[in-house]
PDB file of N, CA and C in Angstrom:
ATOM      1  N   MET A   1     116.482  72.501 101.619  1.00  0.00           N
ATOM      2  CA  MET A   1     115.077  72.486 101.249  1.00  0.00           C
ATOM      3  C   MET A   1     114.239  72.886 102.464  1.00  0.00           C
ATOM      4  N   VAL A   2     113.322  73.800 102.250  1.00  0.00           N
ATOM      5  CA  VAL A   2     112.451  74.267 103.326  1.00  0.00           C
ATOM      6  C   VAL A   2     111.177  73.434 103.317  1.00  0.00           C
ATOM      7  N   ARG A   3     110.823  72.938 104.476  1.00  0.00           N
ATOM      8  CA  ARG A   3     109.576  72.178 104.601  1.00  0.00           C
ATOM      9  C   ARG A   3     108.612  72.989 105.455  1.00  0.00           C
ATOM     10  N   PHE A   4     107.404  73.054 105.015  1.00  0.00           N
ATOM     11  CA  PHE A   4     106.387  73.804 105.729  1.00  0.00           C
ATOM     12  C   PHE A   4     105.467  72.850 106.469  1.00  0.00           C
ATOM     13  N   ARG A   5     105.112  73.257 107.669  1.00  0.00           N
ATOM     14  CA  ARG A   5     104.122  72.506 108.432  1.00  0.00           C
ATOM     15  C   ARG A   5     102.801  73.245 108.316  1.00  0.00           C
ATOM     16  N   ARG A   6     101.763  72.498 108.366  1.00  0.00           N
ATOM     17  CA  ARG A   6     100.442  73.122 108.322  1.00  0.00           C
ATOM     18  C   ARG A   6      99.588  72.535 109.432  1.00  0.00           C
ATOM     19  N   ASP A   7      99.064  73.413 110.236  1.00  0.00           N
ATOM     20  CA  ASP A   7      98.183  73.008 111.315  1.00  0.00           C
ATOM     21  C   ASP A   7      96.847  72.577 110.709  1.00  0.00           C
ATOM     22  N   GLY A   8      96.303  71.486 111.164  1.00  0.00           N
ATOM     23  CA  GLY A   8      95.037  70.988 110.644  1.00  0.00           C
ATOM     24  C   GLY A   8      93.856  71.910 110.904  1.00  0.00           C
ATOM     25  N   LEU A   9      94.020  72.869 111.819  1.00  0.00           N
ATOM     26  CA  LEU A   9      92.936  73.800 112.134  1.00  0.00           C
ATOM     27  C   LEU A   9      92.953  75.047 111.262  1.00  0.00           C
ATOM     28  N   LEU A  10      94.040  75.252 110.513  1.00  0.00           N
ATOM     29  CA  LEU A  10      94.121  76.420 109.643  1.00  0.00           C
ATOM     30  C   LEU A  10      93.241  76.220 108.412  1.00  0.00           C
ATOM     31  N   VAL A  11      92.511  77.261 108.061  1.00  0.00           N
ATOM     32  CA  VAL A  11      91.680  77.215 106.857  1.00  0.00           C
ATOM     33  C   VAL A  11      91.888  78.502 106.071  1.00  0.00           C
ATOM     34  N   SER A  12      91.559  78.477 104.811  1.00  0.00           N
ATOM     35  CA  SER A  12      91.637  79.657 103.963  1.00  0.00           C
ATOM     36  C   SER A  12      90.667  80.724 104.486  1.00  0.00           C
ATOM     37  N   TYR A  13      91.038  81.994 104.307  1.00  0.00           N
ATOM     38  CA  TYR A  13      90.175  83.092 104.745  1.00  0.00           C
ATOM     39  C   TYR A  13      88.787  82.959 104.129  1.00  0.00           C
ATOM     40  N   ASN A  14      88.735  82.539 102.873  1.00  0.00           N
ATOM     41  CA  ASN A  14      87.450  82.397 102.175  1.00  0.00           C
ATOM     42  C   ASN A  14      86.544  81.348 102.819  1.00  0.00           C
ATOM     43  N   GLU A  15      87.137  80.433 103.559  1.00  0.00           N
ATOM     44  CA  GLU A  15      86.358  79.373 104.196  1.00  0.00           C
ATOM     45  C   GLU A  15      85.846  79.754 105.582  1.00  0.00           C
ATOM     46  N   LEU A  16      86.267  80.893 106.102  1.00  0.00           N
ATOM     47  CA  LEU A  16      85.812  81.336 107.422  1.00  0.00           C
ATOM     48  C   LEU A  16      84.370  81.811 107.370  1.00  0.00           C
ATOM     49  N   SER A  17      83.689  81.712 108.492  1.00  0.00           N
ATOM     50  CA  SER A  17      82.334  82.272 108.580  1.00  0.00           C
ATOM     51  C   SER A  17      82.452  83.794 108.601  1.00  0.00           C
ATOM     52  N   GLU A  18      81.375  84.464 108.288  1.00  0.00           N
ATOM     53  CA  GLU A  18      81.398  85.933 108.290  1.00  0.00           C
ATOM     54  C   GLU A  18      81.721  86.462 109.684  1.00  0.00           C
ATOM     55  N   THR A  19      81.264  85.788 110.721  1.00  0.00           N
ATOM     56  CA  THR A  19      81.566  86.181 112.099  1.00  0.00           C
ATOM     57  C   THR A  19      83.065  86.144 112.350  1.00  0.00           C
ATOM     58  N   ASP A  20      83.715  85.069 111.928  1.00  0.00           N
ATOM     59  CA  ASP A  20      85.161  84.956 112.113  1.00  0.00           C
ATOM     60  C   ASP A  20      85.910  85.995 111.288  1.00  0.00           C
ATOM     61  N   LYS A  21      85.413  86.298 110.089  1.00  0.00           N
ATOM     62  CA  LYS A  21      86.052  87.324 109.263  1.00  0.00           C
ATOM     63  C   LYS A  21      85.992  88.692 109.948  1.00  0.00           C
ATOM     64  N   VAL A  22      84.837  89.012 110.522  1.00  0.00           N
ATOM     65  CA  VAL A  22      84.681  90.289 111.230  1.00  0.00           C
ATOM     66  C   VAL A  22      85.647  90.346 112.423  1.00  0.00           C
ATOM     67  N   LEU A  23      85.740  89.252 113.171  1.00  0.00           N
ATOM     68  CA  LEU A  23      86.651  89.207 114.323  1.00  0.00           C
ATOM     69  C   LEU A  23      88.103  89.367 113.877  1.00  0.00           C
ATOM     70  N   ASN A  24      88.485  88.712 112.781  1.00  0.00           N
ATOM     71  CA  ASN A  24      89.847  88.833 112.270  1.00  0.00           C
ATOM     72  C   ASN A  24      90.162  90.249 111.818  1.00  0.00           C
ATOM     73  N   ARG A  25      89.206  90.890 111.151  1.00  0.00           N
ATOM     74  CA  ARG A  25      89.422  92.271 110.705  1.00  0.00           C
ATOM     75  C   ARG A  25      89.582  93.196 111.913  1.00  0.00           C
ATOM     76  N   GLY A  26      88.776  92.985 112.945  1.00  0.00           N
ATOM     77  CA  GLY A  26      88.880  93.804 114.154  1.00  0.00           C
ATOM     78  C   GLY A  26      90.227  93.637 114.830  1.00  0.00           C
ATOM     79  N   THR A  27      90.680  92.394 114.935  1.00  0.00           N
ATOM     80  CA  THR A  27      91.996  92.130 115.539  1.00  0.00           C
ATOM     81  C   THR A  27      93.100  92.786 114.725  1.00  0.00           C
ATOM     82  N   SER A  28      92.996  92.703 113.402  1.00  0.00           N
ATOM     83  CA  SER A  28      94.002  93.324 112.529  1.00  0.00           C
ATOM     84  C   SER A  28      94.035  94.835 112.713  1.00  0.00           C
ATOM     85  N   MET A  29      92.867  95.455 112.762  1.00  0.00           N
ATOM     86  CA  MET A  29      92.812  96.912 112.927  1.00  0.00           C
ATOM     87  C   MET A  29      93.371  97.332 114.280  1.00  0.00           C
ATOM     88  N   GLU A  30      93.065  96.598 115.337  1.00  0.00           N
ATOM     89  CA  GLU A  30      93.587  96.933 116.661  1.00  0.00           C
ATOM     90  C   GLU A  30      95.107  96.763 116.712  1.00  0.00           C
ATOM     91  N   THR A  31      95.623  95.759 116.014  1.00  0.00           N
ATOM     92  CA  THR A  31      97.070  95.550 115.956  1.00  0.00           C
ATOM     93  C   THR A  31      97.740  96.727 115.253  1.00  0.00           C
ATOM     94  N   ILE A  32      97.167  97.170 114.142  1.00  0.00           N
ATOM     95  CA  ILE A  32      97.721  98.315 113.411  1.00  0.00           C
ATOM     96  C   ILE A  32      97.669  99.576 114.267  1.00  0.00           C
ATOM     97  N   LYS A  33      96.565  99.803 114.941  1.00  0.00           N
ATOM     98  CA  LYS A  33      96.445 100.976 115.823  1.00  0.00           C
ATOM     99  C   LYS A  33      97.497 100.942 116.925  1.00  0.00           C
ATOM    100  N   ALA A  34      97.719  99.770 117.511  1.00  0.00           N
ATOM    101  CA  ALA A  34      98.720  99.640 118.570  1.00  0.00           C
ATOM    102  C   ALA A  34     100.114  99.934 118.034  1.00  0.00           C
ATOM    103  N   MET A  35     100.421  99.412 116.865  1.00  0.00           N
ATOM    104  CA  MET A  35     101.742  99.662 116.267  1.00  0.00           C
ATOM    105  C   MET A  35     101.952 101.153 116.005  1.00  0.00           C
ATOM    106  N   LEU A  36     100.937 101.813 115.468  1.00  0.00           N
ATOM    107  CA  LEU A  36     101.043 103.249 115.201  1.00  0.00           C
ATOM    108  C   LEU A  36     101.200 104.047 116.493  1.00  0.00           C
ATOM    109  N   SER A  37     100.481 103.645 117.534  1.00  0.00           N
ATOM    110  CA  SER A  37     100.574 104.364 118.807  1.00  0.00           C
ATOM    111  C   SER A  37     101.950 104.193 119.450  1.00  0.00           C
ATOM    112  N   LEU A  38     102.648 103.114 119.093  1.00  0.00           N
ATOM    113  CA  LEU A  38     103.999 102.879 119.613  1.00  0.00           C
ATOM    114  C   LEU A  38     105.076 103.557 118.771  1.00  0.00           C
ATOM    115  N   GLY A  39     104.660 104.263 117.728  1.00  0.00           N
ATOM    116  CA  GLY A  39     105.605 105.024 116.931  1.00  0.00           C
ATOM    117  C   GLY A  39     106.048 104.371 115.629  1.00  0.00           C
ATOM    118  N   TYR A  40     105.524 103.197 115.335  1.00  0.00           N
ATOM    119  CA  TYR A  40     105.875 102.562 114.071  1.00  0.00           C
ATOM    120  C   TYR A  40     105.221 103.296 112.916  1.00  0.00           C
ATOM    121  N   GLU A  41     105.844 103.238 111.756  1.00  0.00           N
ATOM    122  CA  GLU A  41     105.276 103.811 110.544  1.00  0.00           C
ATOM    123  C   GLU A  41     104.962 102.688 109.577  1.00  0.00           C
ATOM    124  N   ILE A  42     103.841 102.801 108.929  1.00  0.00           N
ATOM    125  CA  ILE A  42     103.461 101.826 107.914  1.00  0.00           C
ATOM    126  C   ILE A  42     103.461 102.572 106.596  1.00  0.00           C
ATOM    127  N   ARG A  43     104.386 102.161 105.719  1.00  0.00           N
ATOM    128  CA  ARG A  43     104.525 102.849 104.436  1.00  0.00           C
ATOM    129  C   ARG A  43     104.494 101.860 103.293  1.00  0.00           C
ATOM    130  N   LYS A  44     104.001 102.327 102.169  1.00  0.00           N
ATOM    131  CA  LYS A  44     103.995 101.542 100.948  1.00  0.00           C
ATOM    132  C   LYS A  44     105.440 101.409 100.458  1.00  0.00           C
ATOM    133  N   PRO A  45     105.840 100.229  99.970  1.00  0.00           N
ATOM    134  CA  PRO A  45     107.204 100.082  99.451  1.00  0.00           C
ATOM    135  C   PRO A  45     107.468 101.067  98.311  1.00  0.00           C
ATOM    136  N   ALA A  46     108.677 101.555  98.228  1.00  0.00           N
ATOM    137  CA  ALA A  46     109.041 102.578  97.239  1.00  0.00           C
ATOM    138  C   ALA A  46     108.895 102.090  95.813  1.00  0.00           C
ATOM    139  N   ASP A  47     109.064 100.800  95.569  1.00  0.00           N
ATOM    140  CA  ASP A  47     109.050 100.281  94.197  1.00  0.00           C
ATOM    141  C   ASP A  47     107.650  99.989  93.675  1.00  0.00           C
ATOM    142  N   ARG A  48     106.618 100.340  94.381  1.00  0.00           N
ATOM    143  CA  ARG A  48     105.250 100.064  93.901  1.00  0.00           C
ATOM    144  C   ARG A  48     104.522 101.312  93.547  1.00  0.00           C
TER     145      ARG A  48
END
């Protein structure tokens, strides 16, 4: 049986302030850009 831990500081994305949402989106985009610059490919799964 797998047990999950949850940090008390984690909240749903919908509960974040708009400022935090903007910061999260920026971090996500920079992460994707870094991965692409390192040669990774991001592709849609074949079965979709």
